[in-house]
Each structure stands twice: as structure tokens, then as C-alpha cells.
Amino acid sequence: MRGVINSLNIIRNNVNMKVLLIGENWCGDCANGVPAFARLAQSFDNWEFKIIGKDDLEDQSILNQYATAGRVK
């Protein structure tokens, strides 16, 4: 619940945000989640929103930080 409250405070207070989504078109989670984030980001002038393809990353080791069970999806 604390995370939800903190998230609502960020939205209410119009905090500057940088949102980077790393995904691919074939990913079902991205297909569901990215449009929602994009609509939210469009609602705030001080949000910087960028989408980058997983395969387009220059430094693929970045993905290791977000591995699930030791595996990059």
C-alpha cells in the first residue's frame, strides 16, 4: 500500500519524472503496459518518456539489472 500512496503523491504533486521503458513489440506485458504509461506521461508536461527496444540497446549488460530469476527475458 505504501508504494501506491507514494505513486499517487508523485502524480498529485506533478513531480519531474524520467520514464524509460525497455521492451519489444512481441512482449505481451509491453503490449498491455506501455500504452497506459504513454497516456499517463502525456498528461504531465514535466514527464520525460522514452521507449527503447531491448535489441536496440547499445549496452546489453543494462538488461542484467532487470533479470528475473537470473534470466533476461
N, C-alpha and C. Protein backbone atom coordinates (compact mmCIF):
# COMPACT_ATOMS: atom_id res chain seq x y z
N MET A 1 0.82 -1.20 0.00
CA MET A 1 0.00 0.00 0.00
C MET A 1 0.86 1.26 0.00
N ARG A 2 1.99 1.20 0.69
CA ARG A 2 2.87 2.37 0.76
C ARG A 2 3.33 2.81 -0.63
N GLY A 3 3.66 1.83 -1.49
CA GLY A 3 4.09 2.15 -2.85
C GLY A 3 3.01 2.86 -3.64
N VAL A 4 1.77 2.44 -3.45
CA VAL A 4 0.65 3.08 -4.15
C VAL A 4 0.50 4.52 -3.68
N ILE A 5 0.59 4.72 -2.37
CA ILE A 5 0.47 6.08 -1.82
C ILE A 5 1.59 6.97 -2.34
N ASN A 6 2.82 6.46 -2.35
CA ASN A 6 3.94 7.25 -2.88
C ASN A 6 3.74 7.58 -4.35
N SER A 7 3.23 6.63 -5.11
CA SER A 7 2.97 6.87 -6.53
C SER A 7 1.90 7.94 -6.72
N LEU A 8 0.86 7.89 -5.91
CA LEU A 8 -0.19 8.90 -6.00
C LEU A 8 0.34 10.28 -5.64
N ASN A 9 1.24 10.35 -4.67
CA ASN A 9 1.84 11.64 -4.30
C ASN A 9 2.67 12.20 -5.45
N ILE A 10 3.38 11.36 -6.15
CA ILE A 10 4.17 11.79 -7.31
C ILE A 10 3.24 12.40 -8.36
N ILE A 11 2.13 11.73 -8.61
CA ILE A 11 1.18 12.21 -9.62
C ILE A 11 0.52 13.50 -9.16
N ARG A 12 0.05 13.53 -7.92
CA ARG A 12 -0.63 14.73 -7.40
C ARG A 12 0.29 15.94 -7.37
N ASN A 13 1.54 15.74 -6.99
CA ASN A 13 2.48 16.85 -6.86
C ASN A 13 3.16 17.21 -8.16
N ASN A 14 2.83 16.49 -9.24
CA ASN A 14 3.38 16.78 -10.57
C ASN A 14 4.91 16.83 -10.54
N VAL A 15 5.51 15.81 -9.94
CA VAL A 15 6.96 15.70 -9.79
C VAL A 15 7.60 15.46 -11.16
N ASN A 16 8.77 16.06 -11.39
CA ASN A 16 9.52 15.79 -12.62
C ASN A 16 9.89 14.30 -12.66
N MET A 17 9.64 13.68 -13.78
CA MET A 17 9.92 12.25 -13.92
C MET A 17 10.62 11.98 -15.23
N LYS A 18 11.50 11.00 -15.20
CA LYS A 18 12.09 10.44 -16.41
C LYS A 18 11.72 8.97 -16.42
N VAL A 19 10.97 8.57 -17.43
CA VAL A 19 10.49 7.20 -17.54
C VAL A 19 11.11 6.58 -18.78
N LEU A 20 11.83 5.49 -18.60
CA LEU A 20 12.43 4.75 -19.70
C LEU A 20 11.84 3.35 -19.69
N LEU A 21 11.18 3.01 -20.77
CA LEU A 21 10.63 1.67 -20.92
C LEU A 21 11.50 0.90 -21.92
N ILE A 22 11.92 -0.27 -21.51
CA ILE A 22 12.71 -1.15 -22.38
C ILE A 22 11.81 -2.33 -22.71
N GLY A 23 11.51 -2.51 -23.97
CA GLY A 23 10.61 -3.60 -24.34
C GLY A 23 10.68 -3.90 -25.82
N GLU A 24 9.82 -4.81 -26.23
CA GLU A 24 9.73 -5.19 -27.64
C GLU A 24 8.27 -5.38 -28.02
N ASN A 25 7.98 -5.25 -29.30
CA ASN A 25 6.61 -5.37 -29.79
C ASN A 25 6.00 -6.74 -29.51
N TRP A 26 6.81 -7.78 -29.49
CA TRP A 26 6.30 -9.13 -29.31
C TRP A 26 5.99 -9.46 -27.85
N CYS A 27 6.33 -8.58 -26.93
CA CYS A 27 6.14 -8.84 -25.50
C CYS A 27 4.72 -8.50 -25.07
N GLY A 28 3.99 -9.47 -24.58
CA GLY A 28 2.61 -9.26 -24.15
C GLY A 28 2.50 -8.26 -23.01
N ASP A 29 3.42 -8.31 -22.05
CA ASP A 29 3.40 -7.34 -20.94
C ASP A 29 3.59 -5.92 -21.45
N CYS A 30 4.47 -5.76 -22.43
CA CYS A 30 4.70 -4.42 -23.01
C CYS A 30 3.47 -3.96 -23.77
N ALA A 31 2.85 -4.86 -24.50
CA ALA A 31 1.65 -4.51 -25.27
C ALA A 31 0.54 -4.01 -24.35
N ASN A 32 0.47 -4.55 -23.14
CA ASN A 32 -0.55 -4.13 -22.19
C ASN A 32 -0.15 -2.89 -21.40
N GLY A 33 1.11 -2.81 -20.99
CA GLY A 33 1.54 -1.75 -20.08
C GLY A 33 2.00 -0.46 -20.72
N VAL A 34 2.67 -0.54 -21.85
CA VAL A 34 3.25 0.65 -22.47
C VAL A 34 2.20 1.70 -22.84
N PRO A 35 1.07 1.33 -23.44
CA PRO A 35 0.08 2.36 -23.76
C PRO A 35 -0.43 3.11 -22.52
N ALA A 36 -0.57 2.42 -21.41
CA ALA A 36 -1.02 3.08 -20.18
C ALA A 36 0.01 4.08 -19.69
N PHE A 37 1.28 3.68 -19.69
CA PHE A 37 2.34 4.61 -19.29
C PHE A 37 2.42 5.80 -20.25
N ALA A 38 2.27 5.54 -21.53
CA ALA A 38 2.34 6.63 -22.52
C ALA A 38 1.22 7.64 -22.29
N ARG A 39 -0.01 7.16 -22.04
CA ARG A 39 -1.13 8.07 -21.77
C ARG A 39 -0.88 8.87 -20.50
N LEU A 40 -0.35 8.21 -19.48
CA LEU A 40 -0.05 8.90 -18.22
C LEU A 40 1.01 9.97 -18.44
N ALA A 41 2.06 9.62 -19.18
CA ALA A 41 3.15 10.57 -19.44
C ALA A 41 2.66 11.78 -20.24
N GLN A 42 1.72 11.57 -21.15
CA GLN A 42 1.18 12.67 -21.94
C GLN A 42 0.39 13.65 -21.08
N SER A 43 -0.08 13.19 -19.94
CA SER A 43 -0.87 14.03 -19.05
C SER A 43 -0.03 15.04 -18.28
N PHE A 44 1.28 14.84 -18.25
CA PHE A 44 2.16 15.69 -17.45
C PHE A 44 3.25 16.29 -18.33
N ASP A 45 3.33 17.61 -18.33
CA ASP A 45 4.33 18.30 -19.14
C ASP A 45 5.75 18.04 -18.65
N ASN A 46 5.91 17.75 -17.38
CA ASN A 46 7.26 17.60 -16.83
C ASN A 46 7.70 16.14 -16.74
N TRP A 47 7.05 15.27 -17.47
CA TRP A 47 7.49 13.88 -17.55
C TRP A 47 8.22 13.69 -18.88
N GLU A 48 9.40 13.14 -18.80
CA GLU A 48 10.16 12.78 -20.00
C GLU A 48 9.99 11.28 -20.19
N PHE A 49 9.41 10.88 -21.30
CA PHE A 49 9.04 9.49 -21.53
C PHE A 49 9.72 8.99 -22.79
N LYS A 50 10.39 7.85 -22.68
CA LYS A 50 11.09 7.28 -23.83
C LYS A 50 10.91 5.77 -23.83
N ILE A 51 10.71 5.23 -25.02
CA ILE A 51 10.62 3.78 -25.20
C ILE A 51 11.80 3.36 -26.07
N ILE A 52 12.49 2.33 -25.65
CA ILE A 52 13.60 1.81 -26.45
C ILE A 52 13.45 0.29 -26.56
N GLY A 53 13.74 -0.21 -27.74
CA GLY A 53 13.68 -1.64 -27.96
C GLY A 53 14.83 -2.35 -27.26
N LYS A 54 14.53 -3.49 -26.69
CA LYS A 54 15.55 -4.27 -25.98
C LYS A 54 16.75 -4.56 -26.88
N ASP A 55 16.48 -4.91 -28.12
CA ASP A 55 17.56 -5.24 -29.05
C ASP A 55 18.31 -4.01 -29.55
N ASP A 56 17.77 -2.82 -29.32
CA ASP A 56 18.40 -1.57 -29.76
C ASP A 56 19.35 -0.98 -28.74
N LEU A 57 19.42 -1.57 -27.55
CA LEU A 57 20.32 -1.06 -26.52
C LEU A 57 21.77 -1.22 -26.95
N GLU A 58 22.54 -0.17 -26.82
CA GLU A 58 23.97 -0.25 -27.15
C GLU A 58 24.70 -1.11 -26.13
N ASP A 59 24.31 -1.01 -24.86
CA ASP A 59 24.95 -1.77 -23.79
C ASP A 59 23.96 -2.79 -23.25
N GLN A 60 24.02 -4.01 -23.76
CA GLN A 60 23.09 -5.06 -23.38
C GLN A 60 23.22 -5.48 -21.92
N SER A 61 24.35 -5.14 -21.29
CA SER A 61 24.54 -5.52 -19.88
C SER A 61 23.55 -4.79 -18.96
N ILE A 62 22.98 -3.70 -19.44
CA ILE A 62 21.96 -2.98 -18.66
C ILE A 62 20.81 -3.91 -18.31
N LEU A 63 20.49 -4.81 -19.22
CA LEU A 63 19.37 -5.72 -19.00
C LEU A 63 19.59 -6.64 -17.81
N ASN A 64 20.84 -6.94 -17.49
CA ASN A 64 21.12 -7.83 -16.36
C ASN A 64 20.61 -7.27 -15.04
N GLN A 65 20.48 -5.96 -14.94
CA GLN A 65 19.96 -5.34 -13.73
C GLN A 65 18.48 -5.68 -13.53
N TYR A 66 17.82 -6.07 -14.59
CA TYR A 66 16.38 -6.33 -14.53
C TYR A 66 16.05 -7.79 -14.83
N ALA A 67 17.01 -8.67 -14.62
CA ALA A 67 16.82 -10.10 -14.85
C ALA A 67 15.82 -10.67 -13.85
N THR A 68 15.07 -11.66 -14.28
CA THR A 68 14.14 -12.36 -13.41
C THR A 68 14.65 -13.79 -13.24
N ALA A 69 14.90 -14.16 -12.00
CA ALA A 69 15.45 -15.49 -11.69
C ALA A 69 16.74 -15.73 -12.47
N GLY A 70 17.57 -14.69 -12.59
CA GLY A 70 18.85 -14.79 -13.24
C GLY A 70 18.78 -14.83 -14.76
N ARG A 71 17.60 -14.59 -15.31
CA ARG A 71 17.41 -14.69 -16.75
C ARG A 71 16.82 -13.41 -17.31
N VAL A 72 17.41 -12.92 -18.39
CA VAL A 72 16.88 -11.75 -19.08
C VAL A 72 15.80 -12.24 -20.04
N LYS A 73 14.64 -11.66 -19.95
CA LYS A 73 13.53 -12.09 -20.83
C LYS A 73 13.52 -11.30 -22.11
